[in-house]
Amino acid sequence: AIASIVKKHNTYTYLGLAGDPTSGVFYYLDKAPVNY
């Protein structure tokens, strides 16, 4: 669904994820682990 919106506007988008500066592991913005 998000990709269809991105493709419609012919650009890229940011996702609600943030990377740990030390480990480089990404989490959701509420610090929960990513499941997909």
Full PDB file with SEQRES, HELIX, SHEET, SSBOND, CRYST1, ORIGX, SCALE, CONECT and MASTER records, all heavy atoms in Angstrom:
SEQRES   1 A   36  ALA ILE ALA SER ILE VAL LYS LYS HIS ASN THR TYR THR          
SEQRES   2 A   36  TYR LEU GLY LEU ALA GLY ASP PRO THR SER GLY VAL PHE          
SEQRES   3 A   36  TYR TYR LEU ASP LYS ALA PRO VAL ASN TYR                      
HELIX    1 AA1 ILE A    2  HIS A    9  1                                   8    
SHEET    1 AA1 2 LEU A  17  GLY A  19  0                                        
SHEET    2 AA1 2 PHE A  26  TYR A  28 -1                                        
CRYST1    1.000    1.000    1.000  90.00  90.00  90.00 P 1           1          
ORIGX1      1.000000  0.000000  0.000000        0.00000                         
ORIGX2      0.000000  1.000000  0.000000        0.00000                         
ORIGX3      0.000000  0.000000  1.000000        0.00000                         
SCALE1      1.000000  0.000000  0.000000        0.00000                         
SCALE2      0.000000  1.000000  0.000000        0.00000                         
SCALE3      0.000000  0.000000  1.000000        0.00000                         
ATOM      1  N   ALA A   1       0.830  -1.204   0.000  1.00  0.00           N  
ATOM      2  CA  ALA A   1       0.000   0.000   0.000  1.00  0.00           C  
ATOM      3  C   ALA A   1       0.868   1.260   0.000  1.00  0.00           C  
ATOM      4  O   ALA A   1       0.628   2.209  -0.768  1.00  0.00           O  
ATOM      5  CB  ALA A   1      -0.923  -0.005   1.213  1.00  0.00           C  
ATOM      6  N   ILE A   2       1.886   1.294   0.852  1.00  0.00           N  
ATOM      7  CA  ILE A   2       2.776   2.467   0.896  1.00  0.00           C  
ATOM      8  C   ILE A   2       3.541   2.609  -0.419  1.00  0.00           C  
ATOM      9  O   ILE A   2       3.710   3.718  -0.953  1.00  0.00           O  
ATOM     10  CB  ILE A   2       3.749   2.344   2.087  1.00  0.00           C  
ATOM     11  CG1 ILE A   2       2.973   2.323   3.412  1.00  0.00           C  
ATOM     12  CG2 ILE A   2       4.752   3.498   2.086  1.00  0.00           C  
ATOM     13  CD1 ILE A   2       3.834   2.044   4.629  1.00  0.00           C  
ATOM     14  N   ALA A   3       3.994   1.467  -0.965  1.00  0.00           N  
ATOM     15  CA  ALA A   3       4.732   1.509  -2.232  1.00  0.00           C  
ATOM     16  C   ALA A   3       3.872   2.059  -3.366  1.00  0.00           C  
ATOM     17  O   ALA A   3       4.367   2.746  -4.261  1.00  0.00           O  
ATOM     18  CB  ALA A   3       5.235   0.103  -2.584  1.00  0.00           C  
ATOM     19  N   SER A   4       2.559   1.758  -3.335  1.00  0.00           N  
ATOM     20  CA  SER A   4       1.680   2.272  -4.395  1.00  0.00           C  
ATOM     21  C   SER A   4       1.576   3.793  -4.331  1.00  0.00           C  
ATOM     22  O   SER A   4       1.500   4.463  -5.374  1.00  0.00           O  
ATOM     23  CB  SER A   4       0.297   1.632  -4.280  1.00  0.00           C  
ATOM     24  OG  SER A   4      -0.360   2.055  -3.101  1.00  0.00           O  
ATOM     25  N   ILE A   5       1.592   4.351  -3.116  1.00  0.00           N  
ATOM     26  CA  ILE A   5       1.560   5.807  -2.985  1.00  0.00           C  
ATOM     27  C   ILE A   5       2.878   6.409  -3.464  1.00  0.00           C  
ATOM     28  O   ILE A   5       2.908   7.436  -4.160  1.00  0.00           O  
ATOM     29  CB  ILE A   5       1.275   6.201  -1.518  1.00  0.00           C  
ATOM     30  CG1 ILE A   5      -0.107   5.683  -1.081  1.00  0.00           C  
ATOM     31  CG2 ILE A   5       1.348   7.717  -1.343  1.00  0.00           C  
ATOM     32  CD1 ILE A   5      -0.428   5.934   0.384  1.00  0.00           C  
ATOM     33  N   VAL A   6       3.987   5.759  -3.102  1.00  0.00           N  
ATOM     34  CA  VAL A   6       5.307   6.237  -3.534  1.00  0.00           C  
ATOM     35  C   VAL A   6       5.411   6.224  -5.057  1.00  0.00           C  
ATOM     36  O   VAL A   6       5.890   7.188  -5.688  1.00  0.00           O  
ATOM     37  CB  VAL A   6       6.409   5.359  -2.906  1.00  0.00           C  
ATOM     38  CG1 VAL A   6       7.773   5.713  -3.497  1.00  0.00           C  
ATOM     39  CG2 VAL A   6       6.440   5.532  -1.392  1.00  0.00           C  
ATOM     40  N   LYS A   7       4.962   5.133  -5.650  1.00  0.00           N  
ATOM     41  CA  LYS A   7       5.032   5.003  -7.113  1.00  0.00           C  
ATOM     42  C   LYS A   7       4.148   6.042  -7.796  1.00  0.00           C  
ATOM     43  O   LYS A   7       4.505   6.607  -8.841  1.00  0.00           O  
ATOM     44  CB  LYS A   7       4.622   3.594  -7.516  1.00  0.00           C  
ATOM     45  CG  LYS A   7       4.790   3.308  -8.997  1.00  0.00           C  
ATOM     46  CD  LYS A   7       4.446   1.853  -9.300  1.00  0.00           C  
ATOM     47  CE  LYS A   7       4.640   1.554 -10.782  1.00  0.00           C  
ATOM     48  NZ  LYS A   7       4.328   0.124 -11.096  1.00  0.00           N  
ATOM     49  N   LYS A   8       2.984   6.306  -7.202  1.00  0.00           N  
ATOM     50  CA  LYS A   8       2.065   7.296  -7.782  1.00  0.00           C  
ATOM     51  C   LYS A   8       2.706   8.674  -7.831  1.00  0.00           C  
ATOM     52  O   LYS A   8       2.525   9.425  -8.798  1.00  0.00           O  
ATOM     53  CB  LYS A   8       0.773   7.324  -6.952  1.00  0.00           C  
ATOM     54  CG  LYS A   8      -0.231   8.368  -7.415  1.00  0.00           C  
ATOM     55  CD  LYS A   8      -1.466   8.359  -6.529  1.00  0.00           C  
ATOM     56  CE  LYS A   8      -2.457   9.434  -6.941  1.00  0.00           C  
ATOM     57  NZ  LYS A   8      -3.655   9.446  -6.070  1.00  0.00           N  
ATOM     58  N   HIS A   9       3.502   9.022  -6.803  1.00  0.00           N  
ATOM     59  CA  HIS A   9       4.136  10.342  -6.743  1.00  0.00           C  
ATOM     60  C   HIS A   9       5.551  10.326  -7.338  1.00  0.00           C  
ATOM     61  O   HIS A   9       6.231  11.364  -7.322  1.00  0.00           O  
ATOM     62  CB  HIS A   9       4.174  10.835  -5.301  1.00  0.00           C  
ATOM     63  CG  HIS A   9       2.817  11.223  -4.764  1.00  0.00           C  
ATOM     64  ND1 HIS A   9       2.327  12.507  -4.835  1.00  0.00           N  
ATOM     65  CD2 HIS A   9       1.852  10.477  -4.176  1.00  0.00           C  
ATOM     66  CE1 HIS A   9       1.120  12.552  -4.285  1.00  0.00           C  
ATOM     67  NE2 HIS A   9       0.807  11.333  -3.872  1.00  0.00           N  
ATOM     68  N   ASN A  10       5.991   9.151  -7.815  1.00  0.00           N  
ATOM     69  CA  ASN A  10       7.266   9.020  -8.513  1.00  0.00           C  
ATOM     70  C   ASN A  10       8.437   9.551  -7.679  1.00  0.00           C  
ATOM     71  O   ASN A  10       9.243  10.374  -8.133  1.00  0.00           O  
ATOM     72  CB  ASN A  10       7.207   9.748  -9.865  1.00  0.00           C  
ATOM     73  CG  ASN A  10       8.368   9.363 -10.770  1.00  0.00           C  
ATOM     74  OD1 ASN A  10       8.880   8.243 -10.690  1.00  0.00           O  
ATOM     75  ND2 ASN A  10       8.793  10.284 -11.625  1.00  0.00           N  
ATOM     76  N   THR A  11       8.511   9.083  -6.437  1.00  0.00           N  
ATOM     77  CA  THR A  11       9.572   9.526  -5.545  1.00  0.00           C  
ATOM     78  C   THR A  11       9.817   8.442  -4.498  1.00  0.00           C  
ATOM     79  O   THR A  11       9.292   7.331  -4.618  1.00  0.00           O  
ATOM     80  CB  THR A  11       9.178  10.859  -4.872  1.00  0.00           C  
ATOM     81  OG1 THR A  11      10.279  11.316  -4.089  1.00  0.00           O  
ATOM     82  CG2 THR A  11       7.947  10.719  -4.016  1.00  0.00           C  
ATOM     83  N   TYR A  12      10.601   8.768  -3.448  1.00  0.00           N  
ATOM     84  CA  TYR A  12      10.846   7.853  -2.338  1.00  0.00           C  
ATOM     85  C   TYR A  12      10.167   8.432  -1.093  1.00  0.00           C  
ATOM     86  O   TYR A  12       9.683   9.563  -1.087  1.00  0.00           O  
ATOM     87  CB  TYR A  12      12.346   7.690  -2.059  1.00  0.00           C  
ATOM     88  CG  TYR A  12      13.151   7.122  -3.217  1.00  0.00           C  
ATOM     89  CD1 TYR A  12      14.544   7.239  -3.229  1.00  0.00           C  
ATOM     90  CD2 TYR A  12      12.539   6.468  -4.276  1.00  0.00           C  
ATOM     91  CE1 TYR A  12      15.300   6.720  -4.266  1.00  0.00           C  
ATOM     92  CE2 TYR A  12      13.282   5.958  -5.328  1.00  0.00           C  
ATOM     93  CZ  TYR A  12      14.665   6.086  -5.327  1.00  0.00           C  
ATOM     94  OH  TYR A  12      15.398   5.579  -6.363  1.00  0.00           O  
ATOM     95  N   THR A  13      10.098   7.615  -0.024  1.00  0.00           N  
ATOM     96  CA  THR A  13       9.522   8.089   1.230  1.00  0.00           C  
ATOM     97  C   THR A  13      10.319   7.539   2.399  1.00  0.00           C  
ATOM     98  O   THR A  13      10.991   6.499   2.289  1.00  0.00           O  
ATOM     99  CB  THR A  13       8.046   7.664   1.366  1.00  0.00           C  
ATOM    100  OG1 THR A  13       7.477   8.321   2.502  1.00  0.00           O  
ATOM    101  CG2 THR A  13       7.901   6.163   1.545  1.00  0.00           C  
ATOM    102  N   TYR A  14      10.262   8.250   3.539  1.00  0.00           N  
ATOM    103  CA  TYR A  14      10.853   7.742   4.774  1.00  0.00           C  
ATOM    104  C   TYR A  14       9.842   6.827   5.474  1.00  0.00           C  
ATOM    105  O   TYR A  14       8.619   7.034   5.393  1.00  0.00           O  
ATOM    106  CB  TYR A  14      11.222   8.890   5.717  1.00  0.00           C  
ATOM    107  CG  TYR A  14      12.534   9.569   5.396  1.00  0.00           C  
ATOM    108  CD1 TYR A  14      12.596  10.943   5.170  1.00  0.00           C  
ATOM    109  CD2 TYR A  14      13.710   8.839   5.350  1.00  0.00           C  
ATOM    110  CE1 TYR A  14      13.797  11.578   4.886  1.00  0.00           C  
ATOM    111  CE2 TYR A  14      14.926   9.465   5.071  1.00  0.00           C  
ATOM    112  CZ  TYR A  14      14.959  10.820   4.834  1.00  0.00           C  
ATOM    113  OH  TYR A  14      16.151  11.438   4.552  1.00  0.00           O  
ATOM    114  N   LEU A  15      10.349   5.826   6.194  1.00  0.00           N  
ATOM    115  CA  LEU A  15       9.521   4.931   6.995  1.00  0.00           C  
ATOM    116  C   LEU A  15       9.738   5.229   8.473  1.00  0.00           C  
ATOM    117  O   LEU A  15      10.767   5.791   8.862  1.00  0.00           O  
ATOM    118  CB  LEU A  15       9.856   3.461   6.701  1.00  0.00           C  
ATOM    119  CG  LEU A  15       9.672   3.008   5.257  1.00  0.00           C  
ATOM    120  CD1 LEU A  15      10.067   1.535   5.094  1.00  0.00           C  
ATOM    121  CD2 LEU A  15       8.235   3.218   4.791  1.00  0.00           C  
ATOM    122  N   GLY A  16       8.786   4.828   9.291  1.00  0.00           N  
ATOM    123  CA  GLY A  16       8.850   5.081  10.729  1.00  0.00           C  
ATOM    124  C   GLY A  16       9.786   4.127  11.446  1.00  0.00           C  
ATOM    125  O   GLY A  16       9.357   3.364  12.324  1.00  0.00           O  
ATOM    126  N   LEU A  17      11.058   4.167  11.073  1.00  0.00           N  
ATOM    127  CA  LEU A  17      12.089   3.335  11.685  1.00  0.00           C  
ATOM    128  C   LEU A  17      13.285   4.216  12.039  1.00  0.00           C  
ATOM    129  O   LEU A  17      13.523   5.248  11.400  1.00  0.00           O  
ATOM    130  CB  LEU A  17      12.530   2.214  10.738  1.00  0.00           C  
ATOM    131  CG  LEU A  17      11.460   1.196  10.315  1.00  0.00           C  
ATOM    132  CD1 LEU A  17      11.976   0.344   9.151  1.00  0.00           C  
ATOM    133  CD2 LEU A  17      11.073   0.310  11.488  1.00  0.00           C  
ATOM    134  N   ALA A  18      14.027   3.774  13.057  1.00  0.00           N  
ATOM    135  CA  ALA A  18      15.236   4.518  13.465  1.00  0.00           C  
ATOM    136  C   ALA A  18      16.327   3.511  13.808  1.00  0.00           C  
ATOM    137  O   ALA A  18      16.070   2.477  14.431  1.00  0.00           O  
ATOM    138  CB  ALA A  18      14.933   5.415  14.659  1.00  0.00           C  
ATOM    139  N   GLY A  19      17.580   3.810  13.374  1.00  0.00           N  
ATOM    140  CA  GLY A  19      18.697   2.899  13.599  1.00  0.00           C  
ATOM    141  C   GLY A  19      19.494   3.260  14.842  1.00  0.00           C  
ATOM    142  O   GLY A  19      19.676   4.439  15.168  1.00  0.00           O  
ATOM    143  N   ASP A  20      19.965   2.227  15.536  1.00  0.00           N  
ATOM    144  CA  ASP A  20      20.827   2.447  16.695  1.00  0.00           C  
ATOM    145  C   ASP A  20      22.213   2.858  16.188  1.00  0.00           C  
ATOM    146  O   ASP A  20      22.808   2.154  15.367  1.00  0.00           O  
ATOM    147  CB  ASP A  20      20.906   1.164  17.530  1.00  0.00           C  
ATOM    148  CG  ASP A  20      21.711   1.352  18.792  1.00  0.00           C  
ATOM    149  OD1 ASP A  20      22.949   1.193  18.732  1.00  0.00           O  
ATOM    150  OD2 ASP A  20      21.093   1.639  19.826  1.00  0.00           O  
ATOM    151  N   PRO A  21      22.752   3.983  16.657  1.00  0.00           N  
ATOM    152  CA  PRO A  21      24.044   4.455  16.129  1.00  0.00           C  
ATOM    153  C   PRO A  21      25.207   3.525  16.459  1.00  0.00           C  
ATOM    154  O   PRO A  21      26.230   3.547  15.766  1.00  0.00           O  
ATOM    155  CB  PRO A  21      24.226   5.816  16.803  1.00  0.00           C  
ATOM    156  CG  PRO A  21      23.370   5.771  18.021  1.00  0.00           C  
ATOM    157  CD  PRO A  21      22.201   4.895  17.673  1.00  0.00           C  
ATOM    158  N   THR A  22      25.061   2.703  17.469  1.00  0.00           N  
ATOM    159  CA  THR A  22      26.157   1.816  17.868  1.00  0.00           C  
ATOM    160  C   THR A  22      26.072   0.471  17.166  1.00  0.00           C  
ATOM    161  O   THR A  22      27.006   0.024  16.495  1.00  0.00           O  
ATOM    162  CB  THR A  22      26.155   1.604  19.392  1.00  0.00           C  
ATOM    163  OG1 THR A  22      26.221   2.861  20.049  1.00  0.00           O  
ATOM    164  CG2 THR A  22      27.328   0.729  19.814  1.00  0.00           C  
ATOM    165  N   SER A  23      24.916  -0.183  17.297  1.00  0.00           N  
ATOM    166  CA  SER A  23      24.761  -1.528  16.733  1.00  0.00           C  
ATOM    167  C   SER A  23      24.331  -1.514  15.275  1.00  0.00           C  
ATOM    168  O   SER A  23      24.531  -2.491  14.556  1.00  0.00           O  
ATOM    169  CB  SER A  23      23.748  -2.324  17.562  1.00  0.00           C  
ATOM    170  OG  SER A  23      22.458  -1.726  17.475  1.00  0.00           O  
ATOM    171  N   GLY A  24      23.711  -0.413  14.833  1.00  0.00           N  
ATOM    172  CA  GLY A  24      23.193  -0.354  13.461  1.00  0.00           C  
ATOM    173  C   GLY A  24      21.879  -1.106  13.284  1.00  0.00           C  
ATOM    174  O   GLY A  24      21.367  -1.210  12.166  1.00  0.00           O  
ATOM    175  N   VAL A  25      21.311  -1.644  14.384  1.00  0.00           N  
ATOM    176  CA  VAL A  25      20.022  -2.361  14.323  1.00  0.00           C  
ATOM    177  C   VAL A  25      18.894  -1.334  14.285  1.00  0.00           C  
ATOM    178  O   VAL A  25      18.927  -0.318  15.006  1.00  0.00           O  
ATOM    179  CB  VAL A  25      19.865  -3.300  15.540  1.00  0.00           C  
ATOM    180  CG1 VAL A  25      18.511  -3.984  15.504  1.00  0.00           C  
ATOM    181  CG2 VAL A  25      20.994  -4.333  15.552  1.00  0.00           C  
ATOM    182  N   PHE A  26      17.894  -1.593  13.476  1.00  0.00           N  
ATOM    183  CA  PHE A  26      16.759  -0.673  13.346  1.00  0.00           C  
ATOM    184  C   PHE A  26      15.590  -1.128  14.228  1.00  0.00           C  
ATOM    185  O   PHE A  26      15.329  -2.322  14.395  1.00  0.00           O  
ATOM    186  CB  PHE A  26      16.315  -0.578  11.885  1.00  0.00           C  
ATOM    187  CG  PHE A  26      17.244   0.244  11.038  1.00  0.00           C  
ATOM    188  CD1 PHE A  26      18.350  -0.345  10.417  1.00  0.00           C  
ATOM    189  CD2 PHE A  26      17.042   1.605  10.901  1.00  0.00           C  
ATOM    190  CE1 PHE A  26      19.210   0.421   9.658  1.00  0.00           C  
ATOM    191  CE2 PHE A  26      17.903   2.376  10.128  1.00  0.00           C  
ATOM    192  CZ  PHE A  26      18.994   1.785   9.509  1.00  0.00           C  
ATOM    193  N   TYR A  27      14.884  -0.135  14.781  1.00  0.00           N  
ATOM    194  CA  TYR A  27      13.718  -0.364  15.629  1.00  0.00           C  
ATOM    195  C   TYR A  27      12.573   0.527  15.148  1.00  0.00           C  
ATOM    196  O   TYR A  27      12.776   1.494  14.400  1.00  0.00           O  
ATOM    197  CB  TYR A  27      14.048  -0.015  17.095  1.00  0.00           C  
ATOM    198  CG  TYR A  27      15.128  -0.882  17.703  1.00  0.00           C  
ATOM    199  CD1 TYR A  27      16.472  -0.499  17.630  1.00  0.00           C  
ATOM    200  CD2 TYR A  27      14.808  -2.059  18.367  1.00  0.00           C  
ATOM    201  CE1 TYR A  27      17.476  -1.276  18.204  1.00  0.00           C  
ATOM    202  CE2 TYR A  27      15.805  -2.850  18.937  1.00  0.00           C  
ATOM    203  CZ  TYR A  27      17.130  -2.455  18.846  1.00  0.00           C  
ATOM    204  OH  TYR A  27      18.116  -3.239  19.404  1.00  0.00           O  
ATOM    205  N   TYR A  28      11.360   0.186  15.632  1.00  0.00           N  
ATOM    206  CA  TYR A  28      10.252   1.113  15.440  1.00  0.00           C  
ATOM    207  C   TYR A  28      10.501   2.340  16.318  1.00  0.00           C  
ATOM    208  O   TYR A  28      11.314   2.308  17.248  1.00  0.00           O  
ATOM    209  CB  TYR A  28       8.916   0.461  15.806  1.00  0.00           C  
ATOM    210  CG  TYR A  28       8.529  -0.697  14.889  1.00  0.00           C  
ATOM    211  CD1 TYR A  28       8.373  -1.986  15.392  1.00  0.00           C  
ATOM    212  CD2 TYR A  28       8.312  -0.480  13.535  1.00  0.00           C  
ATOM    213  CE1 TYR A  28       8.016  -3.034  14.555  1.00  0.00           C  
ATOM    214  CE2 TYR A  28       7.959  -1.527  12.688  1.00  0.00           C  
ATOM    215  CZ  TYR A  28       7.819  -2.806  13.196  1.00  0.00           C  
ATOM    216  OH  TYR A  28       7.486  -3.842  12.369  1.00  0.00           O  
ATOM    217  N   LEU A  29       9.780   3.423  16.043  1.00  0.00           N  
ATOM    218  CA  LEU A  29      10.016   4.664  16.772  1.00  0.00           C  
ATOM    219  C   LEU A  29       9.651   4.550  18.250  1.00  0.00           C  
ATOM    220  O   LEU A  29      10.082   5.391  19.049  1.00  0.00           O  
ATOM    221  CB  LEU A  29       9.229   5.806  16.121  1.00  0.00           C  
ATOM    222  CG  LEU A  29       9.625   6.123  14.674  1.00  0.00           C  
ATOM    223  CD1 LEU A  29       8.836   7.323  14.151  1.00  0.00           C  
ATOM    224  CD2 LEU A  29      11.127   6.385  14.564  1.00  0.00           C  
ATOM    225  N   ASP A  30       8.846   3.529  18.621  1.00  0.00           N  
ATOM    226  CA  ASP A  30       8.550   3.320  20.040  1.00  0.00           C  
ATOM    227  C   ASP A  30       9.531   2.343  20.685  1.00  0.00           C  
ATOM    228  O   ASP A  30       9.265   1.808  21.763  1.00  0.00           O  
ATOM    229  CB  ASP A  30       7.112   2.809  20.213  1.00  0.00           C  
ATOM    230  CG  ASP A  30       6.874   1.487  19.468  1.00  0.00           C  
ATOM    231  OD1 ASP A  30       7.823   0.971  18.848  1.00  0.00           O  
ATOM    232  OD2 ASP A  30       5.742   0.985  19.509  1.00  0.00           O  
ATOM    233  N   LYS A  31      10.648   2.077  20.004  1.00  0.00           N  
ATOM    234  CA  LYS A  31      11.733   1.216  20.474  1.00  0.00           C  
ATOM    235  C   LYS A  31      11.403  -0.282  20.403  1.00  0.00           C  
ATOM    236  O   LYS A  31      12.201  -1.113  20.850  1.00  0.00           O  
ATOM    237  CB  LYS A  31      12.137   1.556  21.924  1.00  0.00           C  
ATOM    238  CG  LYS A  31      12.508   3.020  22.137  1.00  0.00           C  
ATOM    239  CD  LYS A  31      13.666   3.440  21.253  1.00  0.00           C  
ATOM    240  CE  LYS A  31      14.065   4.897  21.512  1.00  0.00           C  
ATOM    241  NZ  LYS A  31      15.172   5.334  20.629  1.00  0.00           N  
ATOM    242  N   ALA A  32      10.249  -0.638  19.844  1.00  0.00           N  
ATOM    243  CA  ALA A  32       9.897  -2.054  19.715  1.00  0.00           C  
ATOM    244  C   ALA A  32      10.699  -2.673  18.572  1.00  0.00           C  
ATOM    245  O   ALA A  32      11.030  -1.993  17.580  1.00  0.00           O  
ATOM    246  CB  ALA A  32       8.398  -2.207  19.444  1.00  0.00           C  
ATOM    247  N   PRO A  33      11.041  -3.979  18.675  1.00  0.00           N  
ATOM    248  CA  PRO A  33      11.807  -4.629  17.598  1.00  0.00           C  
ATOM    249  C   PRO A  33      10.978  -4.743  16.318  1.00  0.00           C  
ATOM    250  O   PRO A  33       9.754  -4.854  16.359  1.00  0.00           O  
ATOM    251  CB  PRO A  33      12.142  -6.004  18.178  1.00  0.00           C  
ATOM    252  CG  PRO A  33      11.118  -6.238  19.233  1.00  0.00           C  
ATOM    253  CD  PRO A  33      10.794  -4.897  19.815  1.00  0.00           C  
ATOM    254  N   VAL A  34      11.649  -4.719  15.191  1.00  0.00           N  
ATOM    255  CA  VAL A  34      10.977  -4.785  13.894  1.00  0.00           C  
ATOM    256  C   VAL A  34      10.579  -6.241  13.600  1.00  0.00           C  
ATOM    257  O   VAL A  34      11.395  -7.161  13.723  1.00  0.00           O  
ATOM    258  CB  VAL A  34      11.907  -4.253  12.779  1.00  0.00           C  
ATOM    259  CG1 VAL A  34      11.234  -4.390  11.422  1.00  0.00           C  
ATOM    260  CG2 VAL A  34      12.277  -2.804  13.057  1.00  0.00           C  
ATOM    261  N   ASN A  35       9.326  -6.447  13.218  1.00  0.00           N  
ATOM    262  CA  ASN A  35       8.844  -7.809  12.937  1.00  0.00           C  
ATOM    263  C   ASN A  35       8.639  -8.071  11.446  1.00  0.00           C  
ATOM    264  O   ASN A  35       8.242  -9.164  11.056  1.00  0.00           O  
ATOM    265  CB  ASN A  35       7.533  -8.081  13.688  1.00  0.00           C  
ATOM    266  CG  ASN A  35       6.424  -7.118  13.287  1.00  0.00           C  
ATOM    267  OD1 ASN A  35       6.622  -6.245  12.453  1.00  0.00           O  
ATOM    268  ND2 ASN A  35       5.253  -7.277  13.884  1.00  0.00           N  
ATOM    269  N   TYR A  36       8.865  -7.058  10.611  1.00  0.00           N  
ATOM    270  CA  TYR A  36       8.731  -7.247   9.158  1.00  0.00           C  
ATOM    271  C   TYR A  36       9.733  -6.327   8.463  1.00  0.00           C  
ATOM    272  O   TYR A  36       9.868  -5.148   8.816  1.00  0.00           O  
ATOM    273  CB  TYR A  36       7.314  -6.933   8.683  1.00  0.00           C  
ATOM    274  CG  TYR A  36       7.202  -6.860   7.177  1.00  0.00           C  
ATOM    275  CD1 TYR A  36       7.122  -8.014   6.407  1.00  0.00           C  
ATOM    276  CD2 TYR A  36       7.225  -5.626   6.510  1.00  0.00           C  
ATOM    277  CE1 TYR A  36       7.054  -7.962   5.023  1.00  0.00           C  
ATOM    278  CE2 TYR A  36       7.155  -5.565   5.128  1.00  0.00           C  
ATOM    279  CZ  TYR A  36       7.078  -6.732   4.390  1.00  0.00           C  
ATOM    280  OH  TYR A  36       7.023  -6.680   3.024  1.00  0.00           O  
TER     281      TYR A  36                                                      
MASTER        0    0    0    1    2    0    0    6  280    1    0    3          
END                                                                             
